[in-house]
């Protein structure tokens, strides 16, 4: 939905993505803002993170774990896979 919205808005306004984000990303009433809020919630849920977590620390830890798995020759899959 986010990709579709951005594409339509950029085409309609004849703007690039930077101009679109500069105009609407920090505007809570905008559809762009709302779609990013939804995406953020989905990503947090997919990875089992909480909104108040230190996300950079969590992502670094996850990255190091996955790198170690790859180094050991293990298959690395996304959080959505069984």
PDB file of N, CA and C in Angstrom:
ATOM      1  N   UNK A   1       0.827  -1.192   0.000  1.00  0.00           N
ATOM      2  CA  UNK A   1       0.000   0.000   0.000  1.00  0.00           C
ATOM      3  C   UNK A   1       0.878   1.265   0.000  1.00  0.00           C
ATOM      4  N   UNK A   2       1.972   1.214   0.751  1.00  0.00           N
ATOM      5  CA  UNK A   2       2.873   2.375   0.815  1.00  0.00           C
ATOM      6  C   UNK A   2       3.494   2.648  -0.546  1.00  0.00           C
ATOM      7  N   UNK A   3       4.005   1.608  -1.176  1.00  0.00           N
ATOM      8  CA  UNK A   3       4.632   1.780  -2.492  1.00  0.00           C
ATOM      9  C   UNK A   3       3.616   2.329  -3.502  1.00  0.00           C
ATOM     10  N   UNK A   4       2.429   1.763  -3.489  1.00  0.00           N
ATOM     11  CA  UNK A   4       1.392   2.203  -4.424  1.00  0.00           C
ATOM     12  C   UNK A   4       1.028   3.671  -4.188  1.00  0.00           C
ATOM     13  N   UNK A   5       0.846   4.033  -2.918  1.00  0.00           N
ATOM     14  CA  UNK A   5       0.502   5.419  -2.590  1.00  0.00           C
ATOM     15  C   UNK A   5       1.604   6.374  -3.043  1.00  0.00           C
ATOM     16  N   UNK A   6       2.841   6.049  -2.707  1.00  0.00           N
ATOM     17  CA  UNK A   6       3.957   6.930  -3.087  1.00  0.00           C
ATOM     18  C   UNK A   6       4.025   7.088  -4.598  1.00  0.00           C
ATOM     19  N   UNK A   7       3.918   5.987  -5.303  1.00  0.00           N
ATOM     20  CA  UNK A   7       3.993   6.034  -6.766  1.00  0.00           C
ATOM     21  C   UNK A   7       2.893   6.915  -7.348  1.00  0.00           C
ATOM     22  N   UNK A   8       1.675   6.740  -6.862  1.00  0.00           N
ATOM     23  CA  UNK A   8       0.547   7.528  -7.357  1.00  0.00           C
ATOM     24  C   UNK A   8       0.734   9.015  -7.057  1.00  0.00           C
ATOM     25  N   UNK A   9       1.160   9.326  -5.851  1.00  0.00           N
ATOM     26  CA  UNK A   9       1.337  10.728  -5.468  1.00  0.00           C
ATOM     27  C   UNK A   9       2.469  11.388  -6.255  1.00  0.00           C
ATOM     28  N   UNK A  10       3.560  10.669  -6.436  1.00  0.00           N
ATOM     29  CA  UNK A  10       4.675  11.245  -7.195  1.00  0.00           C
ATOM     30  C   UNK A  10       4.259  11.491  -8.641  1.00  0.00           C
ATOM     31  N   UNK A  11       3.498  10.571  -9.198  1.00  0.00           N
ATOM     32  CA  UNK A  11       3.019  10.748 -10.576  1.00  0.00           C
ATOM     33  C   UNK A  11       2.029  11.911 -10.658  1.00  0.00           C
ATOM     34  N   UNK A  12       1.091  11.939  -9.720  1.00  0.00           N
ATOM     35  CA  UNK A  12       0.054  12.982  -9.739  1.00  0.00           C
ATOM     36  C   UNK A  12       0.639  14.380  -9.558  1.00  0.00           C
ATOM     37  N   UNK A  13       1.591  14.496  -8.639  1.00  0.00           N
ATOM     38  CA  UNK A  13       2.180  15.805  -8.337  1.00  0.00           C
ATOM     39  C   UNK A  13       3.396  16.131  -9.212  1.00  0.00           C
ATOM     40  N   UNK A  14       3.889  15.111  -9.929  1.00  0.00           N
ATOM     41  CA  UNK A  14       5.120  15.250 -10.697  1.00  0.00           C
ATOM     42  C   UNK A  14       6.285  15.632  -9.776  1.00  0.00           C
ATOM     43  N   UNK A  15       6.359  14.932  -8.653  1.00  0.00           N
ATOM     44  CA  UNK A  15       7.409  15.127  -7.652  1.00  0.00           C
ATOM     45  C   UNK A  15       8.270  13.879  -7.587  1.00  0.00           C
ATOM     46  N   UNK A  16       9.483  14.063  -7.098  1.00  0.00           N
ATOM     47  CA  UNK A  16      10.337  12.932  -6.768  1.00  0.00           C
ATOM     48  C   UNK A  16      10.031  12.484  -5.346  1.00  0.00           C
ATOM     49  N   UNK A  17      10.628  11.372  -4.955  1.00  0.00           N
ATOM     50  CA  UNK A  17      10.340  10.821  -3.626  1.00  0.00           C
ATOM     51  C   UNK A  17      10.835  11.745  -2.510  1.00  0.00           C
ATOM     52  N   UNK A  18      11.960  12.414  -2.719  1.00  0.00           N
ATOM     53  CA  UNK A  18      12.482  13.311  -1.682  1.00  0.00           C
ATOM     54  C   UNK A  18      11.519  14.457  -1.417  1.00  0.00           C
ATOM     55  N   UNK A  19      10.992  15.049  -2.459  1.00  0.00           N
ATOM     56  CA  UNK A  19      10.052  16.150  -2.283  1.00  0.00           C
ATOM     57  C   UNK A  19       8.773  15.669  -1.581  1.00  0.00           C
ATOM     58  N   UNK A  20       8.300  14.488  -1.938  1.00  0.00           N
ATOM     59  CA  UNK A  20       7.113  13.930  -1.305  1.00  0.00           C
ATOM     60  C   UNK A  20       7.340  13.733   0.190  1.00  0.00           C
ATOM     61  N   UNK A  21       8.474  13.129   0.537  1.00  0.00           N
ATOM     62  CA  UNK A  21       8.772  12.891   1.956  1.00  0.00           C
ATOM     63  C   UNK A  21       9.010  14.197   2.704  1.00  0.00           C
ATOM     64  N   UNK A  22       9.686  15.147   2.086  1.00  0.00           N
ATOM     65  CA  UNK A  22       9.905  16.430   2.749  1.00  0.00           C
ATOM     66  C   UNK A  22       8.588  17.137   3.038  1.00  0.00           C
ATOM     67  N   UNK A  23       7.607  16.953   2.178  1.00  0.00           N
ATOM     68  CA  UNK A  23       6.322  17.629   2.341  1.00  0.00           C
ATOM     69  C   UNK A  23       5.409  16.925   3.338  1.00  0.00           C
ATOM     70  N   UNK A  24       5.449  15.590   3.423  1.00  0.00           N
ATOM     71  CA  UNK A  24       4.405  14.877   4.161  1.00  0.00           C
ATOM     72  C   UNK A  24       4.846  13.896   5.238  1.00  0.00           C
ATOM     73  N   UNK A  25       6.105  13.524   5.282  1.00  0.00           N
ATOM     74  CA  UNK A  25       6.514  12.466   6.208  1.00  0.00           C
ATOM     75  C   UNK A  25       6.254  12.807   7.670  1.00  0.00           C
ATOM     76  N   UNK A  26       6.472  14.041   8.063  1.00  0.00           N
ATOM     77  CA  UNK A  26       6.296  14.442   9.467  1.00  0.00           C
ATOM     78  C   UNK A  26       4.934  15.067   9.740  1.00  0.00           C
ATOM     79  N   UNK A  27       4.006  14.909   8.842  1.00  0.00           N
ATOM     80  CA  UNK A  27       2.669  15.498   8.972  1.00  0.00           C
ATOM     81  C   UNK A  27       1.689  14.404   9.396  1.00  0.00           C
ATOM     82  N   UNK A  28       1.301  14.348  10.691  1.00  0.00           N
ATOM     83  CA  UNK A  28       0.449  13.258  11.179  1.00  0.00           C
ATOM     84  C   UNK A  28      -0.874  13.075  10.429  1.00  0.00           C
ATOM     85  N   UNK A  29      -1.378  14.104   9.810  1.00  0.00           N
ATOM     86  CA  UNK A  29      -2.648  13.979   9.087  1.00  0.00           C
ATOM     87  C   UNK A  29      -2.474  13.399   7.690  1.00  0.00           C
ATOM     88  N   UNK A  30      -1.233  13.267   7.225  1.00  0.00           N
ATOM     89  CA  UNK A  30      -1.005  12.806   5.850  1.00  0.00           C
ATOM     90  C   UNK A  30      -1.116  11.292   5.744  1.00  0.00           C
ATOM     91  N   UNK A  31      -1.499  10.839   4.586  1.00  0.00           N
ATOM     92  CA  UNK A  31      -1.575   9.396   4.317  1.00  0.00           C
ATOM     93  C   UNK A  31      -0.194   8.758   4.363  1.00  0.00           C
ATOM     94  N   UNK A  32       0.824   9.476   3.917  1.00  0.00           N
ATOM     95  CA  UNK A  32       2.189   8.951   3.952  1.00  0.00           C
ATOM     96  C   UNK A  32       2.600   8.646   5.392  1.00  0.00           C
ATOM     97  N   UNK A  33       2.334   9.565   6.285  1.00  0.00           N
ATOM     98  CA  UNK A  33       2.637   9.384   7.705  1.00  0.00           C
ATOM     99  C   UNK A  33       1.899   8.171   8.257  1.00  0.00           C
ATOM    100  N   UNK A  34       0.613   8.077   7.951  1.00  0.00           N
ATOM    101  CA  UNK A  34      -0.216   6.974   8.467  1.00  0.00           C
ATOM    102  C   UNK A  34       0.264   5.625   7.945  1.00  0.00           C
ATOM    103  N   UNK A  35       0.627   5.560   6.678  1.00  0.00           N
ATOM    104  CA  UNK A  35       1.126   4.309   6.120  1.00  0.00           C
ATOM    105  C   UNK A  35       2.445   3.896   6.761  1.00  0.00           C
ATOM    106  N   UNK A  36       3.303   4.863   7.051  1.00  0.00           N
ATOM    107  CA  UNK A  36       4.561   4.532   7.720  1.00  0.00           C
ATOM    108  C   UNK A  36       4.323   4.082   9.155  1.00  0.00           C
ATOM    109  N   UNK A  37       3.338   4.636   9.820  1.00  0.00           N
ATOM    110  CA  UNK A  37       2.997   4.183  11.174  1.00  0.00           C
ATOM    111  C   UNK A  37       2.546   2.720  11.147  1.00  0.00           C
ATOM    112  N   UNK A  38       1.731   2.371  10.155  1.00  0.00           N
ATOM    113  CA  UNK A  38       1.278   0.981  10.008  1.00  0.00           C
ATOM    114  C   UNK A  38       2.458   0.056   9.725  1.00  0.00           C
ATOM    115  N   UNK A  39       3.344   0.483   8.831  1.00  0.00           N
ATOM    116  CA  UNK A  39       4.517  -0.315   8.497  1.00  0.00           C
ATOM    117  C   UNK A  39       5.396  -0.527   9.729  1.00  0.00           C
ATOM    118  N   UNK A  40       5.605   0.528  10.511  1.00  0.00           N
ATOM    119  CA  UNK A  40       6.417   0.416  11.721  1.00  0.00           C
ATOM    120  C   UNK A  40       5.833  -0.625  12.674  1.00  0.00           C
ATOM    121  N   UNK A  41       4.523  -0.608  12.869  1.00  0.00           N
ATOM    122  CA  UNK A  41       3.870  -1.574  13.763  1.00  0.00           C
ATOM    123  C   UNK A  41       4.041  -3.003  13.257  1.00  0.00           C
ATOM    124  N   UNK A  42       3.902  -3.195  11.944  1.00  0.00           N
ATOM    125  CA  UNK A  42       4.057  -4.526  11.364  1.00  0.00           C
ATOM    126  C   UNK A  42       5.482  -5.043  11.518  1.00  0.00           C
ATOM    127  N   UNK A  43       6.460  -4.170  11.325  1.00  0.00           N
ATOM    128  CA  UNK A  43       7.862  -4.581  11.458  1.00  0.00           C
ATOM    129  C   UNK A  43       8.172  -4.936  12.912  1.00  0.00           C
ATOM    130  N   UNK A  44       7.698  -4.124  13.853  1.00  0.00           N
ATOM    131  CA  UNK A  44       7.914  -4.432  15.270  1.00  0.00           C
ATOM    132  C   UNK A  44       7.325  -5.796  15.612  1.00  0.00           C
ATOM    133  N   UNK A  45       6.112  -6.049  15.141  1.00  0.00           N
ATOM    134  CA  UNK A  45       5.442  -7.324  15.417  1.00  0.00           C
ATOM    135  C   UNK A  45       6.207  -8.487  14.768  1.00  0.00           C
ATOM    136  N   UNK A  46       6.654  -8.300  13.542  1.00  0.00           N
ATOM    137  CA  UNK A  46       7.360  -9.371  12.823  1.00  0.00           C
ATOM    138  C   UNK A  46       8.630  -9.800  13.551  1.00  0.00           C
ATOM    139  N   UNK A  47       9.316  -8.850  14.152  1.00  0.00           N
ATOM    140  CA  UNK A  47      10.570  -9.157  14.831  1.00  0.00           C
ATOM    141  C   UNK A  47      10.406  -9.351  16.336  1.00  0.00           C
ATOM    142  N   UNK A  48       9.201  -9.182  16.846  1.00  0.00           N
ATOM    143  CA  UNK A  48       8.975  -9.349  18.278  1.00  0.00           C
ATOM    144  C   UNK A  48       9.541  -8.210  19.106  1.00  0.00           C
ATOM    145  N   UNK A  49       9.717  -7.043  18.490  1.00  0.00           N
ATOM    146  CA  UNK A  49      10.217  -5.874  19.209  1.00  0.00           C
ATOM    147  C   UNK A  49       9.045  -5.119  19.824  1.00  0.00           C
ATOM    148  N   UNK A  50       9.357  -4.343  20.857  1.00  0.00           N
ATOM    149  CA  UNK A  50       8.355  -3.486  21.494  1.00  0.00           C
ATOM    150  C   UNK A  50       8.671  -2.026  21.144  1.00  0.00           C
ATOM    151  N   UNK A  51       7.656  -1.158  21.119  1.00  0.00           N
ATOM    152  CA  UNK A  51       7.887   0.243  20.741  1.00  0.00           C
ATOM    153  C   UNK A  51       8.945   0.947  21.585  1.00  0.00           C
ATOM    154  N   UNK A  52       9.084   0.565  22.848  1.00  0.00           N
ATOM    155  CA  UNK A  52      10.046   1.252  23.723  1.00  0.00           C
ATOM    156  C   UNK A  52      11.420   0.601  23.738  1.00  0.00           C
ATOM    157  N   UNK A  53      11.602  -0.471  22.954  1.00  0.00           N
ATOM    158  CA  UNK A  53      12.913  -1.118  22.879  1.00  0.00           C
ATOM    159  C   UNK A  53      13.935  -0.169  22.255  1.00  0.00           C
ATOM    160  N   UNK A  54      15.192  -0.392  22.594  1.00  0.00           N
ATOM    161  CA  UNK A  54      16.284   0.301  21.910  1.00  0.00           C
ATOM    162  C   UNK A  54      16.472  -0.441  20.587  1.00  0.00           C
ATOM    163  N   UNK A  55      15.847   0.084  19.539  1.00  0.00           N
ATOM    164  CA  UNK A  55      15.797  -0.630  18.264  1.00  0.00           C
ATOM    165  C   UNK A  55      17.168  -0.815  17.638  1.00  0.00           C
ATOM    166  N   UNK A  56      18.044   0.157  17.765  1.00  0.00           N
ATOM    167  CA  UNK A  56      19.389   0.002  17.192  1.00  0.00           C
ATOM    168  C   UNK A  56      20.143  -1.128  17.883  1.00  0.00           C
ATOM    169  N   UNK A  57      20.000  -1.220  19.199  1.00  0.00           N
ATOM    170  CA  UNK A  57      20.656  -2.301  19.937  1.00  0.00           C
ATOM    171  C   UNK A  57      20.062  -3.653  19.533  1.00  0.00           C
ATOM    172  N   UNK A  58      18.754  -3.724  19.424  1.00  0.00           N
ATOM    173  CA  UNK A  58      18.088  -4.973  19.027  1.00  0.00           C
ATOM    174  C   UNK A  58      18.511  -5.400  17.620  1.00  0.00           C
ATOM    175  N   UNK A  59      18.553  -4.444  16.698  1.00  0.00           N
ATOM    176  CA  UNK A  59      18.938  -4.762  15.327  1.00  0.00           C
ATOM    177  C   UNK A  59      20.404  -5.197  15.237  1.00  0.00           C
ATOM    178  N   UNK A  60      21.272  -4.560  16.003  1.00  0.00           N
ATOM    179  CA  UNK A  60      22.678  -4.964  16.019  1.00  0.00           C
ATOM    180  C   UNK A  60      22.811  -6.385  16.544  1.00  0.00           C
ATOM    181  N   UNK A  61      22.117  -6.682  17.637  1.00  0.00           N
ATOM    182  CA  UNK A  61      22.152  -8.029  18.209  1.00  0.00           C
ATOM    183  C   UNK A  61      21.655  -9.050  17.196  1.00  0.00           C
ATOM    184  N   UNK A  62      20.533  -8.746  16.553  1.00  0.00           N
ATOM    185  CA  UNK A  62      19.980  -9.645  15.545  1.00  0.00           C
ATOM    186  C   UNK A  62      20.958  -9.826  14.386  1.00  0.00           C
ATOM    187  N   UNK A  63      21.553  -8.741  13.927  1.00  0.00           N
ATOM    188  CA  UNK A  63      22.504  -8.811  12.823  1.00  0.00           C
ATOM    189  C   UNK A  63      23.699  -9.682  13.178  1.00  0.00           C
ATOM    190  N   UNK A  64      24.215  -9.525  14.391  1.00  0.00           N
ATOM    191  CA  UNK A  64      25.361 -10.326  14.820  1.00  0.00           C
ATOM    192  C   UNK A  64      24.993 -11.805  14.922  1.00  0.00           C
ATOM    193  N   UNK A  65      23.786 -12.094  15.411  1.00  0.00           N
ATOM    194  CA  UNK A  65      23.329 -13.484  15.496  1.00  0.00           C
ATOM    195  C   UNK A  65      23.216 -14.106  14.106  1.00  0.00           C
ATOM    196  N   UNK A  66      22.617 -13.367  13.182  1.00  0.00           N
ATOM    197  CA  UNK A  66      22.448 -13.886  11.828  1.00  0.00           C
ATOM    198  C   UNK A  66      23.790 -14.051  11.127  1.00  0.00           C
ATOM    199  N   UNK A  67      24.707 -13.132  11.358  1.00  0.00           N
ATOM    200  CA  UNK A  67      26.042 -13.240  10.766  1.00  0.00           C
ATOM    201  C   UNK A  67      26.759 -14.485  11.290  1.00  0.00           C
ATOM    202  N   UNK A  68      26.600 -14.764  12.585  1.00  0.00           N
ATOM    203  CA  UNK A  68      27.214 -15.956  13.177  1.00  0.00           C
ATOM    204  C   UNK A  68      26.594 -17.226  12.578  1.00  0.00           C
ATOM    205  N   UNK A  69      25.284 -17.216  12.369  1.00  0.00           N
ATOM    206  CA  UNK A  69      24.619 -18.372  11.755  1.00  0.00           C
ATOM    207  C   UNK A  69      25.134 -18.591  10.330  1.00  0.00           C
ATOM    208  N   UNK A  70      25.235 -17.521   9.571  1.00  0.00           N
ATOM    209  CA  UNK A  70      25.741 -17.635   8.207  1.00  0.00           C
ATOM    210  C   UNK A  70      27.175 -18.147   8.209  1.00  0.00           C
ATOM    211  N   UNK A  71      27.979 -17.619   9.116  1.00  0.00           N
ATOM    212  CA  UNK A  71      29.382 -18.031   9.226  1.00  0.00           C
ATOM    213  C   UNK A  71      29.485 -19.534   9.528  1.00  0.00           C
ATOM    214  N   UNK A  72      28.532 -20.032  10.321  1.00  0.00           N
ATOM    215  CA  UNK A  72      28.520 -21.452  10.684  1.00  0.00           C
ATOM    216  C   UNK A  72      27.891 -22.318   9.594  1.00  0.00           C
ATOM    217  N   UNK A  73      27.472 -21.694   8.495  1.00  0.00           N
ATOM    218  CA  UNK A  73      26.894 -22.442   7.391  1.00  0.00           C
ATOM    219  C   UNK A  73      25.415 -22.755   7.554  1.00  0.00           C
ATOM    220  N   UNK A  74      24.786 -22.148   8.555  1.00  0.00           N
ATOM    221  CA  UNK A  74      23.357 -22.374   8.774  1.00  0.00           C
ATOM    222  C   UNK A  74      22.531 -21.520   7.824  1.00  0.00           C
ATOM    223  N   UNK A  75      21.345 -22.000   7.527  1.00  0.00           N
ATOM    224  CA  UNK A  75      20.415 -21.248   6.681  1.00  0.00           C
ATOM    225  C   UNK A  75      19.760 -20.161   7.521  1.00  0.00           C
ATOM    226  N   UNK A  76      19.736 -18.959   6.985  1.00  0.00           N
ATOM    227  CA  UNK A  76      19.113 -17.836   7.676  1.00  0.00           C
ATOM    228  C   UNK A  76      17.803 -17.525   6.953  1.00  0.00           C
ATOM    229  N   UNK A  77      16.717 -17.485   7.729  1.00  0.00           N
ATOM    230  CA  UNK A  77      15.401 -17.190   7.166  1.00  0.00           C
ATOM    231  C   UNK A  77      14.778 -16.016   7.903  1.00  0.00           C
ATOM    232  N   UNK A  78      13.775 -15.397   7.297  1.00  0.00           N
ATOM    233  CA  UNK A  78      13.097 -14.256   7.909  1.00  0.00           C
ATOM    234  C   UNK A  78      12.264 -14.664   9.102  1.00  0.00           C
ATOM    235  N   UNK A  79      11.823 -13.686   9.886  1.00  0.00           N
ATOM    236  CA  UNK A  79      11.069 -13.971  11.105  1.00  0.00           C
ATOM    237  C   UNK A  79       9.692 -14.550  10.835  1.00  0.00           C
ATOM    238  N   UNK A  80       9.204 -14.441   9.618  1.00  0.00           N
ATOM    239  CA  UNK A  80       7.866 -14.904   9.280  1.00  0.00           C
ATOM    240  C   UNK A  80       7.837 -16.390   8.926  1.00  0.00           C
ATOM    241  N   UNK A  81       8.984 -16.963   8.672  1.00  0.00           N
ATOM    242  CA  UNK A  81       9.036 -18.360   8.240  1.00  0.00           C
ATOM    243  C   UNK A  81       8.877 -19.292   9.443  1.00  0.00           C
ATOM    244  N   UNK A  82       8.320 -20.480   9.225  1.00  0.00           N
ATOM    245  CA  UNK A  82       8.140 -21.441  10.341  1.00  0.00           C
ATOM    246  C   UNK A  82       9.453 -21.980  10.858  1.00  0.00           C
TER     247      UNK A  82
END
